[in-house]
Amino acid sequence: MKKKYKVLIVLFSILFIFLIIGTPKYNSIKIKNKDFKDSQKTFDESIEKNSEIDINKIVKFEFDEVYIFTPYYPSKSIYEKLNQEWTTCSTYLGYILLHDVENESLNDDEFLMVFKKADKVVATNLYKLNNVKNIVVDGHNKLTKDNAKLVVEKNGENKIVKVK
């Protein structure tokens, strides 16, 4: 009886470790977003105060390209467009449960920004457009570091953010 109990403890321990650490594929596509999470507040402040937003001044990391995806853009299409898959889930279990939808904006007031450096995704974030009516990318959703600027237009009480 004690031997069966020990075997079960070992099996559950292995399963638990596997669900946290994951597989080599999971570890190879996992990115850390810690430098990017603070930029939401800075982005909101820039929309309130400025007519032009320079993304280079908002983020605190190096990038070559930034892609902007409008609400409801499917994750699968995003991965195909960028020719890369990634996850920001901190555990393998989270990756298993959320990977199909983690990079989709599922609300009218969200858009996804994906940053690449040396053709590899380095950061990504879903932004909420708290005080913004809309973001317009006009089919042109790729910006380079040199032209990573957005224009804020005011239409009465509403603000519209456009790719410059």
Protein backbone atom coordinates (compact mmCIF):
# COMPACT_ATOMS: atom_id res chain seq x y z
CA MET A 1 0.00 0.00 0.00
CA LYS A 2 2.82 2.42 0.87
CA LYS A 3 4.57 1.63 -2.42
CA LYS A 4 1.44 2.55 -4.45
CA TYR A 5 1.14 5.79 -2.47
CA LYS A 6 4.77 6.69 -3.19
CA VAL A 7 4.33 5.89 -6.90
CA LEU A 8 1.24 8.14 -7.05
CA ILE A 9 3.10 10.98 -5.34
CA VAL A 10 5.98 10.65 -7.82
CA LEU A 11 3.59 10.56 -10.81
CA PHE A 12 1.64 13.60 -9.60
CA SER A 13 4.89 15.44 -8.93
CA ILE A 14 6.12 14.73 -12.45
CA LEU A 15 2.77 15.83 -13.92
CA PHE A 16 2.80 19.00 -11.83
CA ILE A 17 6.34 19.89 -12.91
CA PHE A 18 5.45 19.18 -16.55
CA LEU A 19 2.41 21.49 -16.38
CA ILE A 20 4.57 24.31 -15.05
CA ILE A 21 7.74 23.86 -17.10
CA GLY A 22 6.20 22.57 -20.32
CA THR A 23 7.69 21.22 -23.51
CA PRO A 24 10.64 22.41 -25.59
CA LYS A 25 8.20 23.96 -28.10
CA TYR A 26 6.47 25.93 -25.35
CA ASN A 27 9.79 27.14 -23.98
CA SER A 28 11.01 28.17 -27.43
CA ILE A 29 7.96 30.36 -28.20
CA LYS A 30 7.53 31.87 -24.73
CA ILE A 31 8.28 35.59 -24.50
CA LYS A 32 8.52 37.83 -21.45
CA ASN A 33 6.48 41.01 -21.50
CA LYS A 34 7.55 42.58 -18.23
CA ASP A 35 9.05 45.71 -19.85
CA PHE A 36 5.93 46.27 -21.93
CA LYS A 37 3.15 46.11 -19.35
CA ASP A 38 3.98 49.54 -17.90
CA SER A 39 3.53 51.25 -21.25
CA GLN A 40 -0.31 51.13 -21.12
CA LYS A 41 -0.39 54.12 -18.77
CA THR A 42 2.18 56.01 -20.85
CA PHE A 43 0.20 55.26 -24.01
CA ASP A 44 -3.04 56.54 -22.43
CA GLU A 45 -1.29 59.71 -21.25
CA SER A 46 0.16 60.29 -24.73
CA ILE A 47 -3.29 60.02 -26.29
CA GLU A 48 -4.65 62.59 -23.84
CA LYS A 49 -1.81 65.11 -24.20
CA ASN A 50 -0.48 64.79 -27.74
CA SER A 51 -1.68 64.90 -31.32
CA GLU A 52 1.13 62.54 -32.35
CA ILE A 53 2.40 59.48 -30.52
CA ASP A 54 5.94 58.28 -31.09
CA ILE A 55 5.93 54.61 -30.08
CA ASN A 56 9.73 54.74 -29.68
CA LYS A 57 9.25 57.08 -26.72
CA ILE A 58 6.61 54.91 -25.06
CA VAL A 59 8.31 51.52 -25.01
CA LYS A 60 11.55 50.87 -23.18
CA PHE A 61 13.02 48.14 -25.37
CA GLU A 62 14.55 47.79 -28.82
CA PHE A 63 12.43 46.80 -31.81
CA ASP A 64 12.66 46.87 -35.62
CA GLU A 65 8.97 46.59 -36.49
CA VAL A 66 5.63 46.99 -34.77
CA TYR A 67 2.40 45.47 -36.04
CA ILE A 68 -1.03 46.74 -35.02
CA PHE A 69 -4.02 44.43 -35.22
CA THR A 70 -7.58 45.67 -34.88
CA PRO A 71 -10.28 44.02 -32.75
CA TYR A 72 -11.37 40.48 -33.63
CA TYR A 73 -8.30 39.75 -35.77
CA PRO A 74 -7.88 35.95 -35.36
CA SER A 75 -4.74 34.65 -33.62
CA LYS A 76 -4.14 32.12 -36.37
CA SER A 77 -4.08 34.89 -39.00
CA ILE A 78 -1.72 36.96 -36.85
CA TYR A 79 0.70 34.04 -36.52
CA GLU A 80 0.55 33.45 -40.30
CA LYS A 81 1.09 37.14 -41.10
CA LEU A 82 4.11 37.38 -38.78
CA ASN A 83 5.34 33.92 -39.70
CA GLN A 84 5.85 33.14 -36.03
CA GLU A 85 3.92 31.77 -33.08
CA TRP A 86 4.48 32.95 -29.50
CA THR A 87 2.96 32.86 -26.06
CA THR A 88 3.07 35.12 -23.03
CA CYS A 89 1.57 32.52 -20.69
CA SER A 90 3.82 31.99 -17.69
CA THR A 91 2.94 28.30 -17.31
CA TYR A 92 2.48 25.44 -19.72
CA LEU A 93 -1.02 24.83 -18.38
CA GLY A 94 -1.94 28.43 -19.23
CA TYR A 95 -0.49 27.92 -22.69
CA ILE A 96 -2.58 24.77 -23.22
CA LEU A 97 -5.77 26.50 -22.12
CA LEU A 98 -5.34 29.96 -23.64
CA HIS A 99 -3.00 29.81 -26.63
CA ASP A 100 -5.76 29.77 -29.24
CA VAL A 101 -7.17 33.08 -28.01
CA GLU A 102 -4.45 34.78 -25.96
CA ASN A 103 -3.38 37.10 -28.79
CA GLU A 104 -6.85 38.02 -30.02
CA SER A 105 -8.58 41.24 -29.18
CA LEU A 106 -12.08 40.10 -28.32
CA ASN A 107 -13.62 43.50 -27.56
CA ASP A 108 -14.37 46.54 -29.68
CA ASP A 109 -12.06 48.66 -27.54
CA GLU A 110 -8.89 46.54 -27.79
CA PHE A 111 -6.10 46.30 -30.29
CA LEU A 112 -2.96 44.18 -30.31
CA MET A 113 0.53 45.57 -30.76
CA VAL A 114 3.30 43.10 -31.62
CA PHE A 115 6.95 44.15 -31.63
CA LYS A 116 9.66 42.29 -33.55
CA LYS A 117 13.44 42.58 -33.33
CA ALA A 118 15.68 40.67 -35.76
CA ASP A 119 12.58 38.92 -37.16
CA LYS A 120 11.59 37.54 -33.73
CA VAL A 121 8.64 38.64 -31.57
CA VAL A 122 10.05 40.37 -28.49
CA ALA A 123 6.93 41.90 -26.94
CA THR A 124 3.20 42.04 -27.38
CA ASN A 125 0.29 43.66 -25.58
CA LEU A 126 -3.46 44.04 -25.89
CA TYR A 127 -4.26 47.73 -25.42
CA LYS A 128 -7.61 48.95 -24.23
CA LEU A 129 -8.77 52.11 -25.93
CA ASN A 130 -10.15 53.64 -22.75
CA ASN A 131 -10.79 57.14 -24.03
CA VAL A 132 -10.42 56.49 -27.72
CA LYS A 133 -13.31 55.91 -30.09
CA ASN A 134 -11.35 53.88 -32.63
CA ILE A 135 -7.96 52.97 -34.03
CA VAL A 136 -7.65 53.07 -37.80
CA VAL A 137 -4.89 51.17 -39.55
CA ASP A 138 -6.31 51.26 -43.09
CA GLY A 139 -4.84 47.88 -44.00
CA HIS A 140 -1.39 49.26 -43.21
CA ASN A 141 -0.60 47.67 -39.89
CA LYS A 142 3.18 47.32 -40.09
CA LEU A 143 5.38 50.16 -38.90
CA THR A 144 9.14 50.29 -38.77
CA LYS A 145 11.15 51.81 -35.94
CA ASP A 146 11.72 54.92 -38.09
CA ASN A 147 8.03 55.55 -38.77
CA ALA A 148 6.44 54.12 -35.58
CA LYS A 149 4.13 57.06 -35.09
CA LEU A 150 0.40 57.35 -34.55
CA VAL A 151 -1.78 60.43 -35.00
CA VAL A 152 -4.53 61.32 -32.54
CA GLU A 153 -7.46 63.13 -34.14
CA LYS A 154 -10.18 64.71 -32.06
CA ASN A 155 -13.72 64.60 -33.36
CA GLY A 156 -15.73 66.44 -30.72
CA GLU A 157 -15.56 64.30 -27.59
CA ASN A 158 -14.17 61.31 -29.48
CA LYS A 159 -10.54 60.57 -30.24
CA ILE A 160 -9.43 58.48 -33.19
CA VAL A 161 -5.92 57.04 -33.38
CA LYS A 162 -4.54 56.52 -36.89
CA VAL A 163 -1.35 55.14 -38.31
CA LYS A 164 0.64 58.09 -39.59
